[in-house]
All heavy atoms as atom14 arrays in JSON, in Angstrom:
{
  "sequence": "TPVGIFFKEIDATHTQVEVASPASGNKQYIADCVFSGEVEPEKIKSRS",
  "atom14_mask": [
    [1, 1, 1, 1, 1, 1, 1, 0, 0, 0, 0, 0, 0, 0],
    [1, 1, 1, 1, 1, 1, 1, 0, 0, 0, 0, 0, 0, 0],
    [1, 1, 1, 1, 1, 1, 1, 0, 0, 0, 0, 0, 0, 0],
    [1, 1, 1, 1, 0, 0, 0, 0, 0, 0, 0, 0, 0, 0],
    [1, 1, 1, 1, 1, 1, 1, 1, 0, 0, 0, 0, 0, 0],
    [1, 1, 1, 1, 1, 1, 1, 1, 1, 1, 1, 0, 0, 0],
    [1, 1, 1, 1, 1, 1, 1, 1, 1, 1, 1, 0, 0, 0],
    [1, 1, 1, 1, 1, 1, 1, 1, 1, 0, 0, 0, 0, 0],
    [1, 1, 1, 1, 1, 1, 1, 1, 1, 0, 0, 0, 0, 0],
    [1, 1, 1, 1, 1, 1, 1, 1, 0, 0, 0, 0, 0, 0],
    [1, 1, 1, 1, 1, 1, 1, 1, 0, 0, 0, 0, 0, 0],
    [1, 1, 1, 1, 1, 0, 0, 0, 0, 0, 0, 0, 0, 0],
    [1, 1, 1, 1, 1, 1, 1, 0, 0, 0, 0, 0, 0, 0],
    [1, 1, 1, 1, 1, 1, 1, 1, 1, 1, 0, 0, 0, 0],
    [1, 1, 1, 1, 1, 1, 1, 0, 0, 0, 0, 0, 0, 0],
    [1, 1, 1, 1, 1, 1, 1, 1, 1, 0, 0, 0, 0, 0],
    [1, 1, 1, 1, 1, 1, 1, 0, 0, 0, 0, 0, 0, 0],
    [1, 1, 1, 1, 1, 1, 1, 1, 1, 0, 0, 0, 0, 0],
    [1, 1, 1, 1, 1, 1, 1, 0, 0, 0, 0, 0, 0, 0],
    [1, 1, 1, 1, 1, 0, 0, 0, 0, 0, 0, 0, 0, 0],
    [1, 1, 1, 1, 1, 1, 0, 0, 0, 0, 0, 0, 0, 0],
    [1, 1, 1, 1, 1, 1, 1, 0, 0, 0, 0, 0, 0, 0],
    [1, 1, 1, 1, 1, 0, 0, 0, 0, 0, 0, 0, 0, 0],
    [1, 1, 1, 1, 1, 1, 0, 0, 0, 0, 0, 0, 0, 0],
    [1, 1, 1, 1, 0, 0, 0, 0, 0, 0, 0, 0, 0, 0],
    [1, 1, 1, 1, 1, 1, 1, 1, 0, 0, 0, 0, 0, 0],
    [1, 1, 1, 1, 1, 1, 1, 1, 1, 0, 0, 0, 0, 0],
    [1, 1, 1, 1, 1, 1, 1, 1, 1, 0, 0, 0, 0, 0],
    [1, 1, 1, 1, 1, 1, 1, 1, 1, 1, 1, 1, 0, 0],
    [1, 1, 1, 1, 1, 1, 1, 1, 0, 0, 0, 0, 0, 0],
    [1, 1, 1, 1, 1, 0, 0, 0, 0, 0, 0, 0, 0, 0],
    [1, 1, 1, 1, 1, 1, 1, 1, 0, 0, 0, 0, 0, 0],
    [1, 1, 1, 1, 1, 1, 0, 0, 0, 0, 0, 0, 0, 0],
    [1, 1, 1, 1, 1, 1, 1, 0, 0, 0, 0, 0, 0, 0],
    [1, 1, 1, 1, 1, 1, 1, 1, 1, 1, 1, 0, 0, 0],
    [1, 1, 1, 1, 1, 1, 0, 0, 0, 0, 0, 0, 0, 0],
    [1, 1, 1, 1, 0, 0, 0, 0, 0, 0, 0, 0, 0, 0],
    [1, 1, 1, 1, 1, 1, 1, 1, 1, 0, 0, 0, 0, 0],
    [1, 1, 1, 1, 1, 1, 1, 0, 0, 0, 0, 0, 0, 0],
    [1, 1, 1, 1, 1, 1, 1, 1, 1, 0, 0, 0, 0, 0],
    [1, 1, 1, 1, 1, 1, 1, 0, 0, 0, 0, 0, 0, 0],
    [1, 1, 1, 1, 1, 1, 1, 1, 1, 0, 0, 0, 0, 0],
    [1, 1, 1, 1, 1, 1, 1, 1, 1, 0, 0, 0, 0, 0],
    [1, 1, 1, 1, 1, 1, 1, 1, 0, 0, 0, 0, 0, 0],
    [1, 1, 1, 1, 1, 1, 1, 1, 1, 0, 0, 0, 0, 0],
    [1, 1, 1, 1, 1, 1, 0, 0, 0, 0, 0, 0, 0, 0],
    [1, 1, 1, 1, 1, 1, 1, 1, 1, 1, 1, 0, 0, 0],
    [1, 1, 1, 1, 1, 1, 0, 0, 0, 0, 0, 0, 0, 0]
  ],
  "atom14_positions": [
    [[0.87, -1.19, 0.04], [-0.04, -0.02, -0.06], [0.9, 1.31, -0.01], [1.78, 1.37, 0.82], [-0.98, 0.08, 1.17], [-1.62, -1.19, 1.27], [-1.81, 1.21, 1.22], [0.0, 0.0, 0.0], [0.0, 0.0, 0.0], [0.0, 0.0, 0.0], [0.0, 0.0, 0.0], [0.0, 0.0, 0.0], [0.0, 0.0, 0.0], [0.0, 0.0, 0.0]],
    [[0.62, 2.22, -1.02], [1.4, 3.38, -0.86], [0.96, 4.33, 0.19], [-0.3, 4.46, 0.46], [1.14, 4.0, -2.32], [-0.16, 3.53, -2.71], [-0.33, 2.23, -2.06], [0.0, 0.0, 0.0], [0.0, 0.0, 0.0], [0.0, 0.0, 0.0], [0.0, 0.0, 0.0], [0.0, 0.0, 0.0], [0.0, 0.0, 0.0], [0.0, 0.0, 0.0]],
    [[1.83, 5.0, 0.93], [1.46, 5.94, 1.91], [2.38, 7.23, 1.62], [3.62, 7.05, 1.46], [1.8, 5.43, 3.29], [1.4, 6.5, 4.43], [1.03, 4.11, 3.62], [0.0, 0.0, 0.0], [0.0, 0.0, 0.0], [0.0, 0.0, 0.0], [0.0, 0.0, 0.0], [0.0, 0.0, 0.0], [0.0, 0.0, 0.0], [0.0, 0.0, 0.0]],
    [[1.89, 8.25, 1.56], [2.63, 9.61, 1.43], [2.55, 10.44, 2.59], [1.53, 10.62, 3.28], [0.0, 0.0, 0.0], [0.0, 0.0, 0.0], [0.0, 0.0, 0.0], [0.0, 0.0, 0.0], [0.0, 0.0, 0.0], [0.0, 0.0, 0.0], [0.0, 0.0, 0.0], [0.0, 0.0, 0.0], [0.0, 0.0, 0.0], [0.0, 0.0, 0.0]],
    [[3.71, 11.03, 2.84], [3.89, 11.95, 3.96], [4.31, 13.25, 3.36], [5.25, 13.44, 2.68], [4.99, 11.53, 5.05], [4.64, 10.18, 5.76], [5.05, 12.61, 6.17], [5.17, 9.06, 5.06], [0.0, 0.0, 0.0], [0.0, 0.0, 0.0], [0.0, 0.0, 0.0], [0.0, 0.0, 0.0], [0.0, 0.0, 0.0], [0.0, 0.0, 0.0]],
    [[3.38, 14.33, 3.55], [3.59, 15.56, 2.94], [3.9, 16.64, 3.96], [3.33, 16.68, 5.06], [2.3, 15.99, 2.22], [1.84, 15.12, 1.07], [1.2, 13.98, 1.31], [2.34, 15.24, -0.27], [0.8, 13.06, 0.33], [1.97, 14.37, -1.24], [1.29, 13.31, -0.93], [0.0, 0.0, 0.0], [0.0, 0.0, 0.0], [0.0, 0.0, 0.0]],
    [[4.73, 17.57, 3.67], [5.28, 18.62, 4.57], [4.89, 20.01, 4.05], [5.06, 20.23, 2.85], [6.71, 18.45, 4.76], [7.18, 17.13, 5.23], [7.48, 16.11, 4.42], [7.27, 16.78, 6.57], [7.89, 14.79, 4.77], [7.71, 15.56, 6.97], [7.92, 14.56, 6.14], [0.0, 0.0, 0.0], [0.0, 0.0, 0.0], [0.0, 0.0, 0.0]],
    [[4.48, 20.81, 4.95], [4.23, 22.36, 4.57], [4.76, 23.21, 5.71], [4.38, 22.98, 6.95], [2.8, 22.48, 4.29], [2.41, 23.93, 4.09], [0.95, 23.98, 3.95], [0.55, 25.52, 3.61], [-1.02, 25.72, 3.57], [0.0, 0.0, 0.0], [0.0, 0.0, 0.0], [0.0, 0.0, 0.0], [0.0, 0.0, 0.0], [0.0, 0.0, 0.0]],
    [[5.59, 24.05, 5.47], [6.11, 24.91, 6.45], [5.08, 25.98, 6.95], [4.51, 26.62, 6.03], [7.48, 25.65, 5.92], [8.09, 26.52, 7.06], [9.29, 27.22, 6.44], [9.4, 27.47, 5.18], [10.16, 27.47, 7.26], [0.0, 0.0, 0.0], [0.0, 0.0, 0.0], [0.0, 0.0, 0.0], [0.0, 0.0, 0.0], [0.0, 0.0, 0.0]],
    [[4.79, 25.95, 8.2], [3.85, 26.95, 8.82], [4.57, 28.19, 9.16], [4.24, 29.36, 8.75], [3.15, 26.38, 9.92], [2.35, 25.05, 9.64], [2.21, 27.42, 10.57], [1.34, 25.23, 8.59], [0.0, 0.0, 0.0], [0.0, 0.0, 0.0], [0.0, 0.0, 0.0], [0.0, 0.0, 0.0], [0.0, 0.0, 0.0], [0.0, 0.0, 0.0]],
    [[5.71, 28.21, 9.89], [6.56, 29.22, 10.27], [7.99, 28.62, 10.65], [8.18, 27.4, 10.42], [5.95, 30.07, 11.43], [5.66, 29.35, 12.66], [6.41, 28.44, 13.05], [4.65, 29.61, 13.36], [0.0, 0.0, 0.0], [0.0, 0.0, 0.0], [0.0, 0.0, 0.0], [0.0, 0.0, 0.0], [0.0, 0.0, 0.0], [0.0, 0.0, 0.0]],
    [[8.8, 29.34, 11.26], [10.12, 28.89, 11.47], [10.27, 27.7, 12.43], [11.23, 26.99, 12.49], [11.05, 30.01, 11.92], [0.0, 0.0, 0.0], [0.0, 0.0, 0.0], [0.0, 0.0, 0.0], [0.0, 0.0, 0.0], [0.0, 0.0, 0.0], [0.0, 0.0, 0.0], [0.0, 0.0, 0.0], [0.0, 0.0, 0.0], [0.0, 0.0, 0.0]],
    [[9.23, 27.54, 13.25], [9.26, 26.52, 14.32], [8.12, 25.52, 14.25], [7.92, 24.7, 15.12], [9.22, 27.16, 15.78], [8.08, 27.81, 15.86], [10.49, 27.9, 15.92], [0.0, 0.0, 0.0], [0.0, 0.0, 0.0], [0.0, 0.0, 0.0], [0.0, 0.0, 0.0], [0.0, 0.0, 0.0], [0.0, 0.0, 0.0], [0.0, 0.0, 0.0]],
    [[7.23, 25.56, 13.03], [6.23, 24.66, 13.03], [6.06, 24.22, 11.55], [6.08, 24.93, 10.59], [4.73, 25.37, 13.47], [4.83, 25.78, 14.82], [5.22, 26.96, 15.27], [4.44, 25.05, 16.0], [5.03, 27.02, 16.56], [4.56, 25.96, 17.08], [0.0, 0.0, 0.0], [0.0, 0.0, 0.0], [0.0, 0.0, 0.0], [0.0, 0.0, 0.0]],
    [[5.74, 22.84, 11.45], [5.61, 22.28, 10.13], [4.25, 21.39, 10.13], [4.06, 20.66, 11.13], [6.76, 21.26, 9.9], [7.94, 22.05, 9.87], [6.65, 20.73, 8.45], [0.0, 0.0, 0.0], [0.0, 0.0, 0.0], [0.0, 0.0, 0.0], [0.0, 0.0, 0.0], [0.0, 0.0, 0.0], [0.0, 0.0, 0.0], [0.0, 0.0, 0.0]],
    [[3.53, 21.6, 9.21], [2.3, 20.8, 8.99], [2.68, 19.51, 8.21], [3.34, 19.56, 7.25], [1.12, 21.5, 8.17], [-0.04, 20.67, 7.96], [-1.07, 21.53, 7.15], [-1.53, 22.43, 7.74], [-1.47, 21.05, 6.02], [0.0, 0.0, 0.0], [0.0, 0.0, 0.0], [0.0, 0.0, 0.0], [0.0, 0.0, 0.0], [0.0, 0.0, 0.0]],
    [[2.22, 18.38, 8.79], [2.48, 17.02, 8.23], [1.13, 16.37, 7.9], [0.31, 16.42, 8.75], [3.28, 16.15, 9.14], [3.6, 14.77, 8.49], [4.65, 16.84, 9.53], [0.0, 0.0, 0.0], [0.0, 0.0, 0.0], [0.0, 0.0, 0.0], [0.0, 0.0, 0.0], [0.0, 0.0, 0.0], [0.0, 0.0, 0.0], [0.0, 0.0, 0.0]],
    [[1.04, 15.86, 6.7], [-0.16, 15.22, 6.23], [0.28, 13.78, 5.91], [1.21, 13.58, 5.21], [-0.76, 15.85, 5.01], [-1.2, 17.23, 5.19], [-1.66, 17.82, 3.82], [-2.32, 17.08, 2.95], [-1.51, 18.97, 3.6], [0.0, 0.0, 0.0], [0.0, 0.0, 0.0], [0.0, 0.0, 0.0], [0.0, 0.0, 0.0], [0.0, 0.0, 0.0]],
    [[-0.53, 12.77, 6.33], [-0.29, 11.37, 5.97], [-1.5, 10.92, 5.24], [-2.61, 10.95, 5.64], [-0.06, 10.57, 7.22], [0.23, 9.11, 6.87], [1.08, 11.08, 8.07], [0.0, 0.0, 0.0], [0.0, 0.0, 0.0], [0.0, 0.0, 0.0], [0.0, 0.0, 0.0], [0.0, 0.0, 0.0], [0.0, 0.0, 0.0], [0.0, 0.0, 0.0]],
    [[-1.22, 10.48, 3.89], [-2.34, 10.05, 3.03], [-2.04, 8.69, 2.53], [-0.92, 8.27, 2.23], [-2.38, 11.09, 1.91], [0.0, 0.0, 0.0], [0.0, 0.0, 0.0], [0.0, 0.0, 0.0], [0.0, 0.0, 0.0], [0.0, 0.0, 0.0], [0.0, 0.0, 0.0], [0.0, 0.0, 0.0], [0.0, 0.0, 0.0], [0.0, 0.0, 0.0]],
    [[-3.15, 7.94, 2.32], [-3.06, 6.5, 1.78], [-4.42, 6.14, 1.39], [-5.4, 6.44, 1.97], [-2.45, 5.56, 2.79], [-2.43, 4.28, 2.24], [0.0, 0.0, 0.0], [0.0, 0.0, 0.0], [0.0, 0.0, 0.0], [0.0, 0.0, 0.0], [0.0, 0.0, 0.0], [0.0, 0.0, 0.0], [0.0, 0.0, 0.0], [0.0, 0.0, 0.0]],
    [[-4.54, 5.27, 0.39], [-5.86, 4.75, 0.09], [-6.25, 3.64, 1.09], [-7.51, 3.34, 1.18], [-5.69, 3.94, -1.3], [-4.25, 4.06, -1.57], [-3.52, 4.92, -0.61], [0.0, 0.0, 0.0], [0.0, 0.0, 0.0], [0.0, 0.0, 0.0], [0.0, 0.0, 0.0], [0.0, 0.0, 0.0], [0.0, 0.0, 0.0], [0.0, 0.0, 0.0]],
    [[-5.36, 3.14, 1.95], [-5.8, 2.22, 3.07], [-5.83, 2.91, 4.39], [-4.83, 3.34, 4.94], [-4.78, 1.08, 3.09], [0.0, 0.0, 0.0], [0.0, 0.0, 0.0], [0.0, 0.0, 0.0], [0.0, 0.0, 0.0], [0.0, 0.0, 0.0], [0.0, 0.0, 0.0], [0.0, 0.0, 0.0], [0.0, 0.0, 0.0], [0.0, 0.0, 0.0]],
    [[-6.99, 3.05, 5.02], [-7.11, 3.79, 6.13], [-6.3, 3.16, 7.42], [-5.69, 3.98, 8.22], [-8.6, 3.96, 6.58], [-9.12, 2.76, 6.76], [0.0, 0.0, 0.0], [0.0, 0.0, 0.0], [0.0, 0.0, 0.0], [0.0, 0.0, 0.0], [0.0, 0.0, 0.0], [0.0, 0.0, 0.0], [0.0, 0.0, 0.0], [0.0, 0.0, 0.0]],
    [[-6.33, 1.91, 7.55], [-5.52, 1.38, 8.7], [-4.01, 1.63, 8.54], [-3.35, 1.87, 9.56], [0.0, 0.0, 0.0], [0.0, 0.0, 0.0], [0.0, 0.0, 0.0], [0.0, 0.0, 0.0], [0.0, 0.0, 0.0], [0.0, 0.0, 0.0], [0.0, 0.0, 0.0], [0.0, 0.0, 0.0], [0.0, 0.0, 0.0], [0.0, 0.0, 0.0]],
    [[-3.49, 1.47, 7.39], [-2.0, 1.71, 7.17], [-1.72, 3.13, 7.22], [-0.81, 3.51, 7.8], [-1.61, 1.19, 5.78], [-1.73, -0.39, 5.73], [-1.75, -1.01, 6.69], [-1.66, -0.92, 4.42], [0.0, 0.0, 0.0], [0.0, 0.0, 0.0], [0.0, 0.0, 0.0], [0.0, 0.0, 0.0], [0.0, 0.0, 0.0], [0.0, 0.0, 0.0]],
    [[-2.7, 3.99, 6.83], [-2.49, 5.49, 6.96], [-2.41, 5.79, 8.5], [-1.56, 6.62, 8.82], [-3.55, 6.22, 6.26], [-3.67, 7.66, 6.52], [-4.78, 8.43, 5.78], [-6.15, 7.91, 6.21], [-7.28, 8.57, 5.56], [0.0, 0.0, 0.0], [0.0, 0.0, 0.0], [0.0, 0.0, 0.0], [0.0, 0.0, 0.0], [0.0, 0.0, 0.0]],
    [[-3.32, 5.2, 9.14], [-3.38, 5.55, 10.69], [-1.96, 5.02, 11.35], [-1.6, 5.78, 12.2], [-4.56, 4.8, 11.33], [-4.84, 5.12, 12.79], [-5.05, 6.69, 12.99], [-6.08, 7.18, 12.48], [-4.25, 7.38, 13.8], [0.0, 0.0, 0.0], [0.0, 0.0, 0.0], [0.0, 0.0, 0.0], [0.0, 0.0, 0.0], [0.0, 0.0, 0.0]],
    [[-1.61, 3.82, 11.05], [-0.38, 3.31, 11.67], [0.8, 4.2, 11.43], [1.51, 4.65, 12.25], [-0.08, 1.9, 11.32], [1.26, 1.38, 11.79], [1.41, 1.13, 13.15], [2.35, 1.26, 10.86], [2.62, 0.73, 13.6], [3.46, 0.88, 11.4], [3.63, 0.52, 12.62], [4.92, 0.12, 13.18], [0.0, 0.0, 0.0], [0.0, 0.0, 0.0]],
    [[1.03, 4.65, 10.06], [2.14, 5.45, 9.81], [1.95, 6.84, 10.4], [2.95, 7.39, 10.92], [2.3, 5.54, 8.28], [2.68, 4.11, 7.65], [3.4, 6.63, 7.92], [3.85, 3.47, 8.08], [0.0, 0.0, 0.0], [0.0, 0.0, 0.0], [0.0, 0.0, 0.0], [0.0, 0.0, 0.0], [0.0, 0.0, 0.0], [0.0, 0.0, 0.0]],
    [[0.82, 7.29, 10.42], [0.55, 8.64, 11.04], [0.93, 8.58, 12.51], [1.55, 9.53, 13.03], [-0.83, 9.13, 10.91], [0.0, 0.0, 0.0], [0.0, 0.0, 0.0], [0.0, 0.0, 0.0], [0.0, 0.0, 0.0], [0.0, 0.0, 0.0], [0.0, 0.0, 0.0], [0.0, 0.0, 0.0], [0.0, 0.0, 0.0], [0.0, 0.0, 0.0]],
    [[0.51, 7.46, 13.26], [0.8, 7.4, 14.55], [2.29, 7.33, 14.8], [2.81, 7.97, 15.72], [0.22, 6.08, 15.1], [-1.28, 6.06, 15.33], [-1.93, 7.13, 15.26], [-1.81, 4.93, 15.48], [0.0, 0.0, 0.0], [0.0, 0.0, 0.0], [0.0, 0.0, 0.0], [0.0, 0.0, 0.0], [0.0, 0.0, 0.0], [0.0, 0.0, 0.0]],
    [[3.03, 6.76, 13.95], [4.54, 6.65, 14.05], [5.13, 8.06, 13.89], [5.86, 8.52, 14.56], [5.14, 5.77, 13.04], [4.76, 3.94, 13.42], [0.0, 0.0, 0.0], [0.0, 0.0, 0.0], [0.0, 0.0, 0.0], [0.0, 0.0, 0.0], [0.0, 0.0, 0.0], [0.0, 0.0, 0.0], [0.0, 0.0, 0.0], [0.0, 0.0, 0.0]],
    [[4.63, 8.67, 12.68], [5.28, 9.99, 12.36], [4.9, 11.13, 13.39], [5.77, 11.82, 13.88], [4.76, 10.41, 10.98], [5.15, 11.88, 10.65], [5.34, 9.45, 9.94], [0.0, 0.0, 0.0], [0.0, 0.0, 0.0], [0.0, 0.0, 0.0], [0.0, 0.0, 0.0], [0.0, 0.0, 0.0], [0.0, 0.0, 0.0], [0.0, 0.0, 0.0]],
    [[3.57, 11.07, 13.82], [3.16, 12.18, 14.82], [3.76, 11.99, 16.21], [4.05, 12.99, 16.85], [1.66, 12.17, 14.87], [0.99, 12.5, 13.53], [-0.36, 12.29, 13.46], [1.63, 13.18, 12.47], [-1.08, 12.59, 12.26], [1.03, 13.53, 11.28], [-0.33, 13.2, 11.14], [0.0, 0.0, 0.0], [0.0, 0.0, 0.0], [0.0, 0.0, 0.0]],
    [[4.06, 10.69, 16.6], [4.7, 10.44, 17.88], [6.16, 10.61, 17.87], [6.8, 10.75, 18.89], [4.22, 9.22, 18.44], [4.89, 8.12, 17.68], [0.0, 0.0, 0.0], [0.0, 0.0, 0.0], [0.0, 0.0, 0.0], [0.0, 0.0, 0.0], [0.0, 0.0, 0.0], [0.0, 0.0, 0.0], [0.0, 0.0, 0.0], [0.0, 0.0, 0.0]],
    [[6.79, 10.43, 16.61], [8.18, 10.52, 16.53], [8.88, 9.19, 16.9], [10.11, 9.16, 17.04], [0.0, 0.0, 0.0], [0.0, 0.0, 0.0], [0.0, 0.0, 0.0], [0.0, 0.0, 0.0], [0.0, 0.0, 0.0], [0.0, 0.0, 0.0], [0.0, 0.0, 0.0], [0.0, 0.0, 0.0], [0.0, 0.0, 0.0], [0.0, 0.0, 0.0]],
    [[8.11, 8.07, 17.01], [8.69, 6.77, 17.32], [7.9, 5.66, 16.61], [6.76, 5.82, 16.21], [8.71, 6.58, 18.83], [7.47, 6.67, 19.49], [7.62, 6.61, 21.07], [8.32, 7.42, 21.57], [6.96, 5.78, 21.71], [0.0, 0.0, 0.0], [0.0, 0.0, 0.0], [0.0, 0.0, 0.0], [0.0, 0.0, 0.0], [0.0, 0.0, 0.0]],
    [[8.54, 4.6, 16.38], [7.9, 3.4, 15.66], [6.98, 2.86, 16.66], [7.48, 2.38, 17.72], [8.91, 2.6, 15.15], [8.2, 1.29, 14.47], [9.68, 3.14, 14.1], [0.0, 0.0, 0.0], [0.0, 0.0, 0.0], [0.0, 0.0, 0.0], [0.0, 0.0, 0.0], [0.0, 0.0, 0.0], [0.0, 0.0, 0.0], [0.0, 0.0, 0.0]],
    [[5.75, 2.85, 16.5], [4.82, 2.13, 17.28], [4.69, 0.66, 17.13], [4.92, 0.22, 16.0], [3.36, 2.85, 16.93], [3.24, 4.22, 17.28], [3.15, 4.69, 18.62], [2.59, 3.98, 19.42], [3.64, 5.77, 18.93], [0.0, 0.0, 0.0], [0.0, 0.0, 0.0], [0.0, 0.0, 0.0], [0.0, 0.0, 0.0], [0.0, 0.0, 0.0]],
    [[4.43, -0.08, 18.24], [4.15, -1.45, 18.01], [3.03, -1.58, 17.05], [2.1, -0.92, 17.17], [3.89, -2.13, 19.33], [4.15, -0.96, 20.28], [4.27, 0.37, 19.58], [0.0, 0.0, 0.0], [0.0, 0.0, 0.0], [0.0, 0.0, 0.0], [0.0, 0.0, 0.0], [0.0, 0.0, 0.0], [0.0, 0.0, 0.0], [0.0, 0.0, 0.0]],
    [[3.07, -2.51, 16.16], [1.91, -2.66, 15.22], [0.61, -3.17, 15.83], [0.75, -4.11, 16.71], [2.32, -3.69, 14.1], [3.4, -3.04, 13.21], [3.74, -3.88, 12.02], [3.03, -3.76, 11.03], [4.69, -4.64, 12.14], [0.0, 0.0, 0.0], [0.0, 0.0, 0.0], [0.0, 0.0, 0.0], [0.0, 0.0, 0.0], [0.0, 0.0, 0.0]],
    [[-0.45, -2.48, 15.57], [-1.64, -2.77, 16.21], [-2.29, -3.93, 15.49], [-2.3, -4.15, 14.25], [-2.66, -1.58, 16.2], [-1.91, -0.38, 16.98], [-2.78, 0.82, 16.79], [-2.17, 1.94, 17.63], [-0.97, 2.54, 17.13], [0.0, 0.0, 0.0], [0.0, 0.0, 0.0], [0.0, 0.0, 0.0], [0.0, 0.0, 0.0], [0.0, 0.0, 0.0]],
    [[-3.01, -4.8, 16.29], [-3.68, -5.91, 15.62], [-4.96, -5.32, 14.98], [-5.72, -4.51, 15.57], [-4.2, -6.97, 16.74], [-2.9, -7.54, 17.35], [-5.11, -8.0, 16.2], [-3.11, -8.37, 18.53], [0.0, 0.0, 0.0], [0.0, 0.0, 0.0], [0.0, 0.0, 0.0], [0.0, 0.0, 0.0], [0.0, 0.0, 0.0], [0.0, 0.0, 0.0]],
    [[-5.22, -5.68, 13.81], [-6.36, -5.22, 13.04], [-7.64, -5.68, 13.79], [-7.84, -6.78, 14.23], [-6.37, -5.78, 11.64], [-5.1, -5.42, 10.87], [-5.28, -4.98, 9.49], [-4.03, -4.71, 8.68], [-3.05, -3.92, 9.32], [0.0, 0.0, 0.0], [0.0, 0.0, 0.0], [0.0, 0.0, 0.0], [0.0, 0.0, 0.0], [0.0, 0.0, 0.0]],
    [[-8.57, -4.72, 13.98], [-9.71, -4.88, 14.83], [-10.74, -5.81, 14.07], [-11.5, -6.45, 14.77], [-10.37, -3.58, 15.12], [-10.78, -2.88, 14.06], [0.0, 0.0, 0.0], [0.0, 0.0, 0.0], [0.0, 0.0, 0.0], [0.0, 0.0, 0.0], [0.0, 0.0, 0.0], [0.0, 0.0, 0.0], [0.0, 0.0, 0.0], [0.0, 0.0, 0.0]],
    [[-10.61, -5.85, 12.76], [-11.74, -6.64, 12.14], [-10.98, -7.45, 11.02], [-10.09, -6.91, 10.31], [-12.69, -5.67, 11.43], [-13.56, -4.9, 12.42], [-14.58, -4.14, 11.77], [-15.58, -4.99, 10.97], [-16.57, -4.53, 10.54], [-16.98, -3.36, 10.66], [-17.37, -5.34, 9.73], [0.0, 0.0, 0.0], [0.0, 0.0, 0.0], [0.0, 0.0, 0.0]],
    [[-11.28, -8.65, 10.93], [-10.68, -9.49, 9.84], [-11.59, -9.3, 8.6], [-12.79, -8.75, 8.58], [-10.72, -10.95, 10.15], [-12.05, -11.4, 10.22], [0.0, 0.0, 0.0], [0.0, 0.0, 0.0], [0.0, 0.0, 0.0], [0.0, 0.0, 0.0], [0.0, 0.0, 0.0], [0.0, 0.0, 0.0], [0.0, 0.0, 0.0], [0.0, 0.0, 0.0]]
  ]
}
């Protein structure tokens, strides 16, 4: 699944980050990692 992380400078000390993907679960996992600044343990998918 492709996931894109987009960056936009807000000011000298703030950057807007967007995480986009056609797969919502993968988008959420990568966003959790990027927004927290650390690799999160992978979450078990709630629905099969």
